[in-house]
Amino acid sequence: MSTTSRRALVLGAPGLVGAALMRELPNAVGTYRSRPVRGLLPLDAGDADALRRLVDDAGAIAIYFPAAQPNVEWCEIHPDEAEAENIAPLRTALAVARERGLPLLAYSTDYVFD
């Protein structure tokens, strides 16, 4: 997907916060990991090379990261898996954002992590 306009990139667009961002950010490019939604692109945010390609192809000006495992009880019972699903992809996205000189806005909850 090559574009001449620059856009926001929303990682985790099918979720509650991600869907709200998609409504508010004109021309945003949204992604999903496991729940396909028409109009959104598949992406594992932990895959740095795929994220770099998408950032470049979208002409991203900012990355919004509301993506997360939303089941708080599951996260509390499975802290290692929760960290792998929630924190590791965010670290990858942060590294890519830094490489590309882009701001990254992450959304989280203190229900799972301090």
N, C-alpha and C. Protein backbone atom coordinates (compact mmCIF):
# COMPACT_ATOMS: atom_id res chain seq x y z
N MET A 1 0.84 -1.17 0.00
CA MET A 1 0.00 0.00 0.00
C MET A 1 0.89 1.23 0.00
N SER A 2 1.08 1.85 -1.09
CA SER A 2 1.85 3.07 -1.16
C SER A 2 0.90 4.26 -1.21
N THR A 3 1.31 5.32 -0.59
CA THR A 3 0.42 6.49 -0.52
C THR A 3 1.24 7.77 -0.63
N THR A 4 0.61 8.81 -1.12
CA THR A 4 1.27 10.10 -1.20
C THR A 4 0.95 10.95 0.02
N SER A 5 -0.11 10.63 0.74
CA SER A 5 -0.45 11.40 1.94
C SER A 5 0.14 10.72 3.16
N ARG A 6 0.36 11.50 4.18
CA ARG A 6 0.90 10.97 5.43
C ARG A 6 -0.26 10.73 6.38
N ARG A 7 -0.18 9.64 7.15
CA ARG A 7 -1.31 9.22 7.97
C ARG A 7 -0.87 8.73 9.33
N ALA A 8 -1.85 8.71 10.22
CA ALA A 8 -1.63 8.06 11.52
C ALA A 8 -1.77 6.56 11.33
N LEU A 9 -1.07 5.81 12.15
CA LEU A 9 -1.13 4.36 12.14
C LEU A 9 -1.69 3.91 13.49
N VAL A 10 -2.78 3.13 13.46
CA VAL A 10 -3.42 2.65 14.69
C VAL A 10 -3.21 1.14 14.77
N LEU A 11 -2.38 0.72 15.71
CA LEU A 11 -2.13 -0.71 15.91
C LEU A 11 -3.12 -1.23 16.94
N GLY A 12 -3.96 -2.15 16.52
CA GLY A 12 -5.01 -2.64 17.40
C GLY A 12 -6.32 -1.92 17.17
N ALA A 13 -6.61 -1.65 15.92
CA ALA A 13 -7.80 -0.86 15.57
C ALA A 13 -9.14 -1.54 15.87
N PRO A 14 -9.25 -2.87 15.97
CA PRO A 14 -10.57 -3.45 16.25
C PRO A 14 -11.05 -3.26 17.68
N GLY A 15 -10.16 -2.97 18.61
CA GLY A 15 -10.55 -2.84 20.01
C GLY A 15 -11.35 -1.58 20.28
N LEU A 16 -11.79 -1.43 21.50
CA LEU A 16 -12.62 -0.29 21.90
C LEU A 16 -11.91 1.04 21.65
N VAL A 17 -10.71 1.19 22.16
CA VAL A 17 -9.96 2.44 21.98
C VAL A 17 -9.52 2.59 20.53
N GLY A 18 -9.04 1.51 19.93
CA GLY A 18 -8.59 1.58 18.54
C GLY A 18 -9.70 1.99 17.59
N ALA A 19 -10.89 1.45 17.77
CA ALA A 19 -12.03 1.81 16.92
C ALA A 19 -12.39 3.29 17.10
N ALA A 20 -12.32 3.77 18.33
CA ALA A 20 -12.60 5.20 18.57
C ALA A 20 -11.56 6.07 17.88
N LEU A 21 -10.30 5.66 17.93
CA LEU A 21 -9.26 6.41 17.24
C LEU A 21 -9.49 6.43 15.74
N MET A 22 -9.89 5.30 15.18
CA MET A 22 -10.13 5.23 13.74
C MET A 22 -11.25 6.19 13.33
N ARG A 23 -12.24 6.37 14.19
CA ARG A 23 -13.32 7.32 13.88
C ARG A 23 -12.85 8.76 13.93
N GLU A 24 -11.87 9.04 14.78
CA GLU A 24 -11.43 10.42 15.02
C GLU A 24 -10.23 10.86 14.18
N LEU A 25 -9.49 9.91 13.64
CA LEU A 25 -8.28 10.25 12.88
C LEU A 25 -8.54 10.06 11.39
N PRO A 26 -8.73 11.15 10.68
CA PRO A 26 -9.02 11.03 9.24
C PRO A 26 -7.88 10.33 8.50
N ASN A 27 -8.26 9.43 7.64
CA ASN A 27 -7.31 8.69 6.79
C ASN A 27 -6.34 7.81 7.55
N ALA A 28 -6.63 7.47 8.79
CA ALA A 28 -5.73 6.60 9.55
C ALA A 28 -5.69 5.22 8.92
N VAL A 29 -4.56 4.56 9.08
CA VAL A 29 -4.40 3.17 8.68
C VAL A 29 -4.48 2.34 9.95
N GLY A 30 -5.40 1.38 9.96
CA GLY A 30 -5.59 0.55 11.14
C GLY A 30 -5.15 -0.88 10.91
N THR A 31 -4.73 -1.53 11.98
CA THR A 31 -4.28 -2.91 11.89
C THR A 31 -5.01 -3.78 12.91
N TYR A 32 -4.99 -5.07 12.63
CA TYR A 32 -5.48 -6.08 13.57
C TYR A 32 -4.45 -7.18 13.65
N ARG A 33 -4.47 -7.92 14.75
CA ARG A 33 -3.57 -9.07 14.87
C ARG A 33 -4.33 -10.38 14.69
N SER A 34 -5.45 -10.53 15.40
CA SER A 34 -6.13 -11.83 15.37
C SER A 34 -7.61 -11.76 15.05
N ARG A 35 -8.19 -10.59 15.01
CA ARG A 35 -9.62 -10.46 14.70
C ARG A 35 -9.78 -9.65 13.41
N PRO A 36 -9.83 -10.30 12.28
CA PRO A 36 -9.93 -9.56 11.01
C PRO A 36 -11.16 -8.66 10.96
N VAL A 37 -10.93 -7.47 10.45
CA VAL A 37 -12.00 -6.50 10.24
C VAL A 37 -11.78 -5.89 8.86
N ARG A 38 -12.84 -5.85 8.07
CA ARG A 38 -12.72 -5.28 6.73
C ARG A 38 -12.18 -3.86 6.80
N GLY A 39 -11.23 -3.57 5.96
CA GLY A 39 -10.64 -2.25 5.90
C GLY A 39 -9.39 -2.09 6.76
N LEU A 40 -9.10 -3.09 7.59
CA LEU A 40 -7.90 -3.05 8.43
C LEU A 40 -6.87 -4.03 7.88
N LEU A 41 -5.62 -3.77 8.19
CA LEU A 41 -4.53 -4.59 7.68
C LEU A 41 -4.02 -5.54 8.75
N PRO A 42 -3.66 -6.77 8.37
CA PRO A 42 -3.10 -7.70 9.36
C PRO A 42 -1.69 -7.28 9.74
N LEU A 43 -1.38 -7.38 11.03
CA LEU A 43 -0.03 -7.05 11.49
C LEU A 43 0.21 -7.66 12.86
N ASP A 44 1.33 -8.31 13.01
CA ASP A 44 1.83 -8.70 14.32
C ASP A 44 2.80 -7.60 14.71
N ALA A 45 2.42 -6.78 15.66
CA ALA A 45 3.23 -5.61 16.04
C ALA A 45 4.59 -6.01 16.59
N GLY A 46 4.76 -7.26 16.94
CA GLY A 46 6.05 -7.74 17.40
C GLY A 46 7.03 -8.04 16.27
N ASP A 47 6.55 -7.99 15.03
CA ASP A 47 7.37 -8.24 13.85
C ASP A 47 7.92 -6.89 13.37
N ALA A 48 9.13 -6.58 13.78
CA ALA A 48 9.71 -5.26 13.49
C ALA A 48 9.81 -4.98 12.00
N ASP A 49 10.20 -5.97 11.21
CA ASP A 49 10.34 -5.74 9.77
C ASP A 49 8.99 -5.43 9.13
N ALA A 50 7.95 -6.17 9.50
CA ALA A 50 6.61 -5.91 8.95
C ALA A 50 6.11 -4.54 9.40
N LEU A 51 6.39 -4.17 10.63
CA LEU A 51 5.96 -2.86 11.12
C LEU A 51 6.71 -1.75 10.39
N ARG A 52 8.00 -1.92 10.17
CA ARG A 52 8.76 -0.90 9.41
C ARG A 52 8.17 -0.71 8.02
N ARG A 53 7.87 -1.83 7.35
CA ARG A 53 7.30 -1.73 5.99
C ARG A 53 5.98 -0.98 6.02
N LEU A 54 5.13 -1.31 6.99
CA LEU A 54 3.83 -0.65 7.07
C LEU A 54 3.98 0.84 7.39
N VAL A 55 4.85 1.18 8.31
CA VAL A 55 5.10 2.59 8.63
C VAL A 55 5.53 3.33 7.38
N ASP A 56 6.45 2.76 6.64
CA ASP A 56 6.95 3.41 5.43
C ASP A 56 5.88 3.48 4.34
N ASP A 57 5.17 2.37 4.11
CA ASP A 57 4.14 2.34 3.07
C ASP A 57 2.99 3.31 3.37
N ALA A 58 2.64 3.43 4.64
CA ALA A 58 1.53 4.30 5.03
C ALA A 58 1.96 5.76 5.09
N GLY A 59 3.26 6.00 5.08
CA GLY A 59 3.72 7.37 5.27
C GLY A 59 3.33 7.86 6.66
N ALA A 60 3.47 6.99 7.65
CA ALA A 60 2.98 7.29 8.99
C ALA A 60 3.63 8.53 9.58
N ILE A 61 2.81 9.33 10.22
CA ILE A 61 3.28 10.52 10.93
C ILE A 61 3.26 10.29 12.44
N ALA A 62 2.56 9.28 12.88
CA ALA A 62 2.47 8.94 14.30
C ALA A 62 1.95 7.52 14.42
N ILE A 63 2.31 6.87 15.52
CA ILE A 63 1.81 5.52 15.80
C ILE A 63 1.00 5.57 17.09
N TYR A 64 -0.22 5.11 17.01
CA TYR A 64 -1.09 4.96 18.17
C TYR A 64 -1.14 3.47 18.50
N PHE A 65 -0.94 3.13 19.78
CA PHE A 65 -0.82 1.73 20.16
C PHE A 65 -1.81 1.38 21.28
N PRO A 66 -3.09 1.19 20.93
CA PRO A 66 -4.03 0.72 21.94
C PRO A 66 -4.13 -0.80 21.98
N ALA A 67 -3.34 -1.49 21.18
CA ALA A 67 -3.41 -2.95 21.10
C ALA A 67 -3.01 -3.58 22.43
N ALA A 68 -3.78 -4.58 22.84
CA ALA A 68 -3.45 -5.29 24.08
C ALA A 68 -4.34 -6.51 24.23
N GLN A 69 -3.94 -7.39 25.10
CA GLN A 69 -4.78 -8.50 25.52
C GLN A 69 -5.79 -7.91 26.51
N PRO A 70 -7.07 -7.87 26.14
CA PRO A 70 -8.05 -7.15 26.96
C PRO A 70 -8.61 -7.92 28.15
N ASN A 71 -8.30 -9.20 28.26
CA ASN A 71 -8.85 -10.00 29.35
C ASN A 71 -7.99 -9.83 30.60
N VAL A 72 -8.40 -8.93 31.49
CA VAL A 72 -7.62 -8.58 32.66
C VAL A 72 -7.41 -9.80 33.57
N GLU A 73 -8.44 -10.59 33.78
CA GLU A 73 -8.30 -11.77 34.64
C GLU A 73 -7.27 -12.74 34.06
N TRP A 74 -7.34 -12.98 32.76
CA TRP A 74 -6.36 -13.86 32.12
C TRP A 74 -4.95 -13.31 32.33
N CYS A 75 -4.78 -12.01 32.15
CA CYS A 75 -3.47 -11.39 32.31
C CYS A 75 -2.95 -11.55 33.73
N GLU A 76 -3.82 -11.42 34.71
CA GLU A 76 -3.40 -11.57 36.10
C GLU A 76 -2.97 -13.00 36.41
N ILE A 77 -3.64 -13.97 35.82
CA ILE A 77 -3.33 -15.38 36.05
C ILE A 77 -2.10 -15.82 35.26
N HIS A 78 -1.86 -15.18 34.12
CA HIS A 78 -0.76 -15.55 33.22
C HIS A 78 0.18 -14.35 33.01
N PRO A 79 0.90 -13.92 34.03
CA PRO A 79 1.69 -12.70 33.90
C PRO A 79 2.79 -12.76 32.84
N ASP A 80 3.43 -13.92 32.68
CA ASP A 80 4.49 -14.01 31.67
C ASP A 80 3.92 -13.91 30.26
N GLU A 81 2.83 -14.63 30.01
CA GLU A 81 2.18 -14.55 28.70
C GLU A 81 1.60 -13.16 28.44
N ALA A 82 1.07 -12.54 29.49
CA ALA A 82 0.51 -11.19 29.35
C ALA A 82 1.60 -10.20 28.98
N GLU A 83 2.76 -10.35 29.60
CA GLU A 83 3.86 -9.46 29.24
C GLU A 83 4.29 -9.69 27.79
N ALA A 84 4.34 -10.96 27.38
CA ALA A 84 4.73 -11.26 25.99
C ALA A 84 3.72 -10.68 25.00
N GLU A 85 2.43 -10.73 25.33
CA GLU A 85 1.41 -10.23 24.41
C GLU A 85 1.24 -8.72 24.46
N ASN A 86 1.49 -8.10 25.61
CA ASN A 86 1.23 -6.68 25.78
C ASN A 86 2.47 -5.80 25.72
N ILE A 87 3.54 -6.23 26.35
CA ILE A 87 4.72 -5.38 26.47
C ILE A 87 5.71 -5.59 25.32
N ALA A 88 5.99 -6.82 24.95
CA ALA A 88 6.97 -7.07 23.89
C ALA A 88 6.61 -6.38 22.58
N PRO A 89 5.36 -6.49 22.09
CA PRO A 89 5.03 -5.78 20.84
C PRO A 89 5.14 -4.25 20.99
N LEU A 90 4.81 -3.75 22.16
CA LEU A 90 4.93 -2.31 22.38
C LEU A 90 6.40 -1.88 22.33
N ARG A 91 7.27 -2.68 22.89
CA ARG A 91 8.70 -2.37 22.81
C ARG A 91 9.18 -2.35 21.36
N THR A 92 8.71 -3.30 20.58
CA THR A 92 9.07 -3.34 19.16
C THR A 92 8.57 -2.08 18.46
N ALA A 93 7.31 -1.72 18.71
CA ALA A 93 6.74 -0.53 18.07
C ALA A 93 7.49 0.73 18.50
N LEU A 94 7.88 0.80 19.76
CA LEU A 94 8.64 1.95 20.24
C LEU A 94 9.99 2.04 19.54
N ALA A 95 10.65 0.91 19.36
CA ALA A 95 11.94 0.90 18.66
C ALA A 95 11.78 1.38 17.22
N VAL A 96 10.75 0.89 16.54
CA VAL A 96 10.51 1.31 15.15
C VAL A 96 10.17 2.80 15.10
N ALA A 97 9.35 3.26 16.03
CA ALA A 97 9.00 4.69 16.07
C ALA A 97 10.25 5.54 16.26
N ARG A 98 11.11 5.12 17.16
CA ARG A 98 12.36 5.88 17.38
C ARG A 98 13.21 5.89 16.12
N GLU A 99 13.34 4.72 15.46
CA GLU A 99 14.14 4.64 14.23
C GLU A 99 13.63 5.62 13.17
N ARG A 100 12.29 5.72 13.09
CA ARG A 100 11.68 6.54 12.05
C ARG A 100 11.41 7.97 12.50
N GLY A 101 11.73 8.30 13.74
CA GLY A 101 11.52 9.65 14.26
C GLY A 101 10.05 10.01 14.43
N LEU A 102 9.25 9.01 14.81
CA LEU A 102 7.81 9.21 14.95
C LEU A 102 7.38 9.19 16.41
N PRO A 103 6.37 9.98 16.75
CA PRO A 103 5.81 9.86 18.09
C PRO A 103 4.99 8.58 18.19
N LEU A 104 4.99 7.98 19.37
CA LEU A 104 4.18 6.80 19.64
C LEU A 104 3.38 7.08 20.91
N LEU A 105 2.08 6.87 20.81
CA LEU A 105 1.19 7.04 21.95
C LEU A 105 0.63 5.68 22.31
N ALA A 106 0.97 5.20 23.51
CA ALA A 106 0.51 3.89 23.97
C ALA A 106 -0.60 4.08 25.00
N TYR A 107 -1.54 3.17 24.97
CA TYR A 107 -2.65 3.15 25.91
C TYR A 107 -2.51 1.90 26.75
N SER A 108 -2.75 2.02 28.04
CA SER A 108 -2.62 0.87 28.90
C SER A 108 -3.57 1.00 30.08
N THR A 109 -3.51 0.00 30.93
CA THR A 109 -4.32 -0.01 32.13
C THR A 109 -3.44 -0.39 33.31
N ASP A 110 -3.75 0.15 34.46
CA ASP A 110 -3.00 -0.25 35.64
C ASP A 110 -3.64 -1.46 36.33
N TYR A 111 -4.67 -2.03 35.70
CA TYR A 111 -5.28 -3.24 36.24
C TYR A 111 -4.32 -4.42 36.17
N VAL A 112 -3.44 -4.41 35.19
CA VAL A 112 -2.54 -5.54 34.97
C VAL A 112 -1.13 -5.20 35.39
N PHE A 113 -0.59 -4.09 34.90
CA PHE A 113 0.78 -3.70 35.18
C PHE A 113 0.79 -2.39 35.94
N ASP A 114 1.72 -2.27 36.89
CA ASP A 114 1.87 -1.02 37.65
C ASP A 114 2.37 0.08 36.74
